[in-house]
PDB file of N, CA and C in Angstrom:
ATOM      1  N   MET A   1      55.712  19.322 -62.717  1.00  0.00           N
ATOM      2  CA  MET A   1      57.048  18.757 -62.651  1.00  0.00           C
ATOM      3  C   MET A   1      57.824  19.288 -61.453  1.00  0.00           C
ATOM      4  N   ASP A   2      57.824  20.603 -61.296  1.00  0.00           N
ATOM      5  CA  ASP A   2      58.579  21.243 -60.232  1.00  0.00           C
ATOM      6  C   ASP A   2      57.758  21.247 -58.945  1.00  0.00           C
ATOM      7  N   LYS A   3      57.783  20.113 -58.238  1.00  0.00           N
ATOM      8  CA  LYS A   3      56.902  19.952 -57.084  1.00  0.00           C
ATOM      9  C   LYS A   3      57.100  20.982 -56.008  1.00  0.00           C
ATOM     10  N   ASN A   4      58.335  21.391 -55.744  1.00  0.00           N
ATOM     11  CA  ASN A   4      58.569  22.362 -54.678  1.00  0.00           C
ATOM     12  C   ASN A   4      58.649  23.823 -55.158  1.00  0.00           C
ATOM     13  N   LYS A   5      58.368  23.998 -56.449  1.00  0.00           N
ATOM     14  CA  LYS A   5      58.239  25.342 -57.057  1.00  0.00           C
ATOM     15  C   LYS A   5      59.481  26.208 -56.862  1.00  0.00           C
ATOM     16  N   ASP A   6      60.661  25.604 -56.982  1.00  0.00           N
ATOM     17  CA  ASP A   6      61.894  26.398 -56.854  1.00  0.00           C
ATOM     18  C   ASP A   6      62.517  26.752 -58.194  1.00  0.00           C
ATOM     19  N   GLY A   7      61.889  26.343 -59.279  1.00  0.00           N
ATOM     20  CA  GLY A   7      62.396  26.658 -60.608  1.00  0.00           C
ATOM     21  C   GLY A   7      63.392  25.662 -61.151  1.00  0.00           C
ATOM     22  N   PHE A   8      63.737  24.675 -60.326  1.00  0.00           N
ATOM     23  CA  PHE A   8      64.694  23.654 -60.718  1.00  0.00           C
ATOM     24  C   PHE A   8      64.066  22.258 -60.548  1.00  0.00           C
ATOM     25  N   LEU A   9      64.607  21.329 -61.313  1.00  0.00           N
ATOM     26  CA  LEU A   9      64.179  19.937 -61.210  1.00  0.00           C
ATOM     27  C   LEU A   9      65.310  19.077 -60.651  1.00  0.00           C
ATOM     28  N   CYS A  10      65.039  18.391 -59.542  1.00  0.00           N
ATOM     29  CA  CYS A  10      65.989  17.399 -59.085  1.00  0.00           C
ATOM     30  C   CYS A  10      65.786  16.150 -59.914  1.00  0.00           C
ATOM     31  N   ILE A  11      66.612  15.152 -59.769  1.00  0.00           N
ATOM     32  CA  ILE A  11      66.532  13.966 -60.582  1.00  0.00           C
ATOM     33  C   ILE A  11      65.166  13.268 -60.451  1.00  0.00           C
ATOM     34  N   ASP A  12      64.580  13.251 -59.261  1.00  0.00           N
ATOM     35  CA  ASP A  12      63.274  12.606 -59.083  1.00  0.00           C
ATOM     36  C   ASP A  12      62.176  13.376 -59.838  1.00  0.00           C
ATOM     37  N   GLU A  13      62.152  14.679 -59.686  1.00  0.00           N
ATOM     38  CA  GLU A  13      61.145  15.488 -60.389  1.00  0.00           C
ATOM     39  C   GLU A  13      61.333  15.359 -61.911  1.00  0.00           C
ATOM     40  N   TRP A  14      62.594  15.435 -62.347  1.00  0.00           N
ATOM     41  CA  TRP A  14      62.909  15.376 -63.757  1.00  0.00           C
ATOM     42  C   TRP A  14      62.500  14.026 -64.333  1.00  0.00           C
ATOM     43  N   SER A  15      62.810  12.952 -63.609  1.00  0.00           N
ATOM     44  CA  SER A  15      62.499  11.599 -64.077  1.00  0.00           C
ATOM     45  C   SER A  15      60.989  11.402 -64.233  1.00  0.00           C
ATOM     46  N   GLU A  16      60.238  11.902 -63.265  1.00  0.00           N
ATOM     47  CA  GLU A  16      58.766  11.783 -63.358  1.00  0.00           C
ATOM     48  C   GLU A  16      58.251  12.606 -64.547  1.00  0.00           C
ATOM     49  N   GLY A  17      58.826  13.745 -64.790  1.00  0.00           N
ATOM     50  CA  GLY A  17      58.399  14.600 -65.888  1.00  0.00           C
ATOM     51  C   GLY A  17      58.772  14.003 -67.248  1.00  0.00           C
ATOM     52  N   ILE A  18      59.952  13.459 -67.384  1.00  0.00           N
ATOM     53  CA  ILE A  18      60.392  12.908 -68.640  1.00  0.00           C
ATOM     54  C   ILE A  18      59.570  11.655 -68.987  1.00  0.00           C
ATOM     55  N   ASP A  19      59.131  10.927 -67.972  1.00  0.00           N
ATOM     56  CA  ASP A  19      58.290   9.756 -68.244  1.00  0.00           C
ATOM     57  C   ASP A  19      56.993  10.086 -69.003  1.00  0.00           C
ATOM     58  N   LYS A  20      56.575  11.358 -68.908  1.00  0.00           N
ATOM     59  CA  LYS A  20      55.337  11.767 -69.614  1.00  0.00           C
ATOM     60  C   LYS A  20      55.614  11.908 -71.107  1.00  0.00           C
ATOM     61  N   PHE A  21      56.903  12.095 -71.502  1.00  0.00           N
ATOM     62  CA  PHE A  21      57.270  12.331 -72.897  1.00  0.00           C
ATOM     63  C   PHE A  21      57.915  11.132 -73.545  1.00  0.00           C
ATOM     64  N   LEU A  22      58.785  10.456 -72.768  1.00  0.00           N
ATOM     65  CA  LEU A  22      59.600   9.395 -73.293  1.00  0.00           C
ATOM     66  C   LEU A  22      59.634   8.204 -72.341  1.00  0.00           C
ATOM     67  N   GLN A  23      59.776   7.030 -72.878  1.00  0.00           N
ATOM     68  CA  GLN A  23      59.993   5.852 -72.054  1.00  0.00           C
ATOM     69  C   GLN A  23      61.475   5.510 -72.154  1.00  0.00           C
ATOM     70  N   LEU A  24      62.206   5.814 -71.060  1.00  0.00           N
ATOM     71  CA  LEU A  24      63.648   5.565 -71.007  1.00  0.00           C
ATOM     72  C   LEU A  24      63.985   4.709 -69.792  1.00  0.00           C
ATOM     73  N   SER A  25      65.081   3.956 -69.910  1.00  0.00           N
ATOM     74  CA  SER A  25      65.567   3.222 -68.757  1.00  0.00           C
ATOM     75  C   SER A  25      66.071   4.193 -67.707  1.00  0.00           C
ATOM     76  N   ASP A  26      66.216   3.756 -66.490  1.00  0.00           N
ATOM     77  CA  ASP A  26      66.731   4.616 -65.431  1.00  0.00           C
ATOM     78  C   ASP A  26      68.137   5.097 -65.773  1.00  0.00           C
ATOM     79  N   GLU A  27      68.941   4.241 -66.379  1.00  0.00           N
ATOM     80  CA  GLU A  27      70.282   4.586 -66.785  1.00  0.00           C
ATOM     81  C   GLU A  27      70.280   5.728 -67.822  1.00  0.00           C
ATOM     82  N   ALA A  28      69.402   5.592 -68.811  1.00  0.00           N
ATOM     83  CA  ALA A  28      69.279   6.591 -69.882  1.00  0.00           C
ATOM     84  C   ALA A  28      68.796   7.927 -69.291  1.00  0.00           C
ATOM     85  N   LYS A  29      67.799   7.855 -68.372  1.00  0.00           N
ATOM     86  CA  LYS A  29      67.312   9.075 -67.742  1.00  0.00           C
ATOM     87  C   LYS A  29      68.421   9.773 -66.980  1.00  0.00           C
ATOM     88  N   GLN A  30      69.222   8.988 -66.243  1.00  0.00           N
ATOM     89  CA  GLN A  30      70.314   9.591 -65.473  1.00  0.00           C
ATOM     90  C   GLN A  30      71.353  10.233 -66.394  1.00  0.00           C
ATOM     91  N   GLY A  31      71.664   9.577 -67.509  1.00  0.00           N
ATOM     92  CA  GLY A  31      72.609  10.137 -68.442  1.00  0.00           C
ATOM     93  C   GLY A  31      72.055  11.417 -69.070  1.00  0.00           C
ATOM     94  N   PHE A  32      70.792  11.428 -69.428  1.00  0.00           N
ATOM     95  CA  PHE A  32      70.193  12.615 -70.013  1.00  0.00           C
ATOM     96  C   PHE A  32      70.147  13.762 -69.009  1.00  0.00           C
ATOM     97  N   PHE A  33      69.790  13.406 -67.741  1.00  0.00           N
ATOM     98  CA  PHE A  33      69.789  14.422 -66.687  1.00  0.00           C
ATOM     99  C   PHE A  33      71.171  15.007 -66.510  1.00  0.00           C
ATOM    100  N   ASN A  34      72.190  14.170 -66.482  1.00  0.00           N
ATOM    101  CA  ASN A  34      73.562  14.656 -66.327  1.00  0.00           C
ATOM    102  C   ASN A  34      73.949  15.584 -67.466  1.00  0.00           C
ATOM    103  N   PHE A  35      73.518  15.245 -68.683  1.00  0.00           N
ATOM    104  CA  PHE A  35      73.786  16.099 -69.844  1.00  0.00           C
ATOM    105  C   PHE A  35      73.085  17.454 -69.671  1.00  0.00           C
ATOM    106  N   MET A  36      71.884  17.462 -69.188  1.00  0.00           N
ATOM    107  CA  MET A  36      71.120  18.716 -69.024  1.00  0.00           C
ATOM    108  C   MET A  36      71.598  19.554 -67.844  1.00  0.00           C
ATOM    109  N   ASP A  37      72.255  18.905 -66.870  1.00  0.00           N
ATOM    110  CA  ASP A  37      72.758  19.596 -65.678  1.00  0.00           C
ATOM    111  C   ASP A  37      74.114  20.243 -66.012  1.00  0.00           C
ATOM    112  N   LYS A  38      74.079  21.334 -66.763  1.00  0.00           N
ATOM    113  CA  LYS A  38      75.277  21.988 -67.261  1.00  0.00           C
ATOM    114  C   LYS A  38      76.191  22.502 -66.159  1.00  0.00           C
ATOM    115  N   THR A  39      75.632  22.844 -64.993  1.00  0.00           N
ATOM    116  CA  THR A  39      76.438  23.368 -63.917  1.00  0.00           C
ATOM    117  C   THR A  39      76.875  22.358 -62.887  1.00  0.00           C
ATOM    118  N   ASN A  40      76.482  21.092 -63.129  1.00  0.00           N
ATOM    119  CA  ASN A  40      76.841  20.000 -62.208  1.00  0.00           C
ATOM    120  C   ASN A  40      76.431  20.260 -60.754  1.00  0.00           C
ATOM    121  N   ILE A  41      75.193  20.757 -60.574  1.00  0.00           N
ATOM    122  CA  ILE A  41      74.689  21.000 -59.240  1.00  0.00           C
ATOM    123  C   ILE A  41      73.647  19.984 -58.816  1.00  0.00           C
ATOM    124  N   GLY A  42      73.360  19.023 -59.689  1.00  0.00           N
ATOM    125  CA  GLY A  42      72.366  18.013 -59.388  1.00  0.00           C
ATOM    126  C   GLY A  42      70.947  18.513 -59.589  1.00  0.00           C
ATOM    127  N   MET A  43      70.818  19.575 -60.385  1.00  0.00           N
ATOM    128  CA  MET A  43      69.522  20.134 -60.681  1.00  0.00           C
ATOM    129  C   MET A  43      69.498  20.659 -62.117  1.00  0.00           C
ATOM    130  N   VAL A  44      68.318  20.657 -62.710  1.00  0.00           N
ATOM    131  CA  VAL A  44      68.146  21.144 -64.058  1.00  0.00           C
ATOM    132  C   VAL A  44      67.128  22.303 -63.973  1.00  0.00           C
ATOM    133  N   ASP A  45      67.467  23.396 -64.675  1.00  0.00           N
ATOM    134  CA  ASP A  45      66.576  24.531 -64.781  1.00  0.00           C
ATOM    135  C   ASP A  45      65.332  24.110 -65.513  1.00  0.00           C
ATOM    136  N   GLN A  46      64.173  24.243 -64.870  1.00  0.00           N
ATOM    137  CA  GLN A  46      62.906  23.781 -65.461  1.00  0.00           C
ATOM    138  C   GLN A  46      62.608  24.464 -66.780  1.00  0.00           C
ATOM    139  N   LEU A  47      62.753  25.749 -66.844  1.00  0.00           N
ATOM    140  CA  LEU A  47      62.432  26.466 -68.095  1.00  0.00           C
ATOM    141  C   LEU A  47      63.406  26.075 -69.204  1.00  0.00           C
ATOM    142  N   GLY A  48      64.676  25.890 -68.879  1.00  0.00           N
ATOM    143  CA  GLY A  48      65.659  25.437 -69.859  1.00  0.00           C
ATOM    144  C   GLY A  48      65.320  24.060 -70.383  1.00  0.00           C
ATOM    145  N   PHE A  49      64.898  23.189 -69.514  1.00  0.00           N
ATOM    146  CA  PHE A  49      64.532  21.817 -69.930  1.00  0.00           C
ATOM    147  C   PHE A  49      63.337  21.853 -70.841  1.00  0.00           C
ATOM    148  N   LEU A  50      62.305  22.600 -70.445  1.00  0.00           N
ATOM    149  CA  LEU A  50      61.093  22.667 -71.266  1.00  0.00           C
ATOM    150  C   LEU A  50      61.356  23.306 -72.640  1.00  0.00           C
ATOM    151  N   GLU A  51      62.233  24.318 -72.665  1.00  0.00           N
ATOM    152  CA  GLU A  51      62.624  24.940 -73.916  1.00  0.00           C
ATOM    153  C   GLU A  51      63.359  23.940 -74.847  1.00  0.00           C
ATOM    154  N   GLN A  52      64.281  23.151 -74.244  1.00  0.00           N
ATOM    155  CA  GLN A  52      64.963  22.139 -75.050  1.00  0.00           C
ATOM    156  C   GLN A  52      63.993  21.113 -75.598  1.00  0.00           C
ATOM    157  N   MET A  53      63.037  20.695 -74.787  1.00  0.00           N
ATOM    158  CA  MET A  53      62.050  19.713 -75.268  1.00  0.00           C
ATOM    159  C   MET A  53      61.208  20.299 -76.383  1.00  0.00           C
ATOM    160  N   LYS A  54      60.829  21.557 -76.246  1.00  0.00           N
ATOM    161  CA  LYS A  54      60.009  22.226 -77.273  1.00  0.00           C
ATOM    162  C   LYS A  54      60.823  22.332 -78.569  1.00  0.00           C
ATOM    163  N   MET A  55      62.081  22.718 -78.479  1.00  0.00           N
ATOM    164  CA  MET A  55      62.942  22.837 -79.658  1.00  0.00           C
ATOM    165  C   MET A  55      63.130  21.500 -80.348  1.00  0.00           C
ATOM    166  N   SER A  56      63.255  20.447 -79.563  1.00  0.00           N
ATOM    167  CA  SER A  56      63.386  19.100 -80.111  1.00  0.00           C
ATOM    168  C   SER A  56      62.148  18.688 -80.905  1.00  0.00           C
ATOM    169  N   LEU A  57      60.977  19.016 -80.357  1.00  0.00           N
ATOM    170  CA  LEU A  57      59.727  18.668 -81.034  1.00  0.00           C
ATOM    171  C   LEU A  57      59.565  19.468 -82.317  1.00  0.00           C
ATOM    172  N   VAL A  58      59.958  20.726 -82.298  1.00  0.00           N
ATOM    173  CA  VAL A  58      59.862  21.573 -83.517  1.00  0.00           C
ATOM    174  C   VAL A  58      60.818  21.026 -84.575  1.00  0.00           C
ATOM    175  N   LYS A  59      62.031  20.692 -84.208  1.00  0.00           N
ATOM    176  CA  LYS A  59      63.001  20.156 -85.171  1.00  0.00           C
ATOM    177  C   LYS A  59      62.507  18.867 -85.766  1.00  0.00           C
ATOM    178  N   GLU A  60      61.872  18.037 -84.968  1.00  0.00           N
ATOM    179  CA  GLU A  60      61.328  16.759 -85.419  1.00  0.00           C
ATOM    180  C   GLU A  60      60.220  17.017 -86.475  1.00  0.00           C
ATOM    181  N   GLU A  61      59.368  17.987 -86.204  1.00  0.00           N
ATOM    182  CA  GLU A  61      58.278  18.299 -87.123  1.00  0.00           C
ATOM    183  C   GLU A  61      58.829  18.842 -88.436  1.00  0.00           C
ATOM    184  N   VAL A  62      59.845  19.712 -88.370  1.00  0.00           N
ATOM    185  CA  VAL A  62      60.452  20.282 -89.572  1.00  0.00           C
ATOM    186  C   VAL A  62      61.096  19.199 -90.416  1.00  0.00           C
ATOM    187  N   GLN A  63      61.739  18.256 -89.780  1.00  0.00           N
ATOM    188  CA  GLN A  63      62.386  17.161 -90.501  1.00  0.00           C
ATOM    189  C   GLN A  63      61.359  16.302 -91.197  1.00  0.00           C
ATOM    190  N   LYS A  64      60.192  16.176 -90.635  1.00  0.00           N
ATOM    191  CA  LYS A  64      59.147  15.349 -91.273  1.00  0.00           C
ATOM    192  C   LYS A  64      58.627  15.991 -92.545  1.00  0.00           C
ATOM    193  N   GLU A  65      58.659  17.333 -92.591  1.00  0.00           N
ATOM    194  CA  GLU A  65      58.165  18.077 -93.779  1.00  0.00           C
ATOM    195  C   GLU A  65      59.124  17.941 -94.851  1.00  0.00           C
TER     196      GLU A  65
END
């Protein structure tokens, strides 16, 4: 995901990565990216993003049980 290995995901890197998990419209991806970009710098912390995705998957599994 982090093509330039700086620890952050720009919208292009993030969009390519999210496509592996979810099928979203470009508008939805932009909105989700903006939500994840807590500091409004146009980048998302890769580890923070992956942790959020992992937590979402765990919550989903718990709800199924």
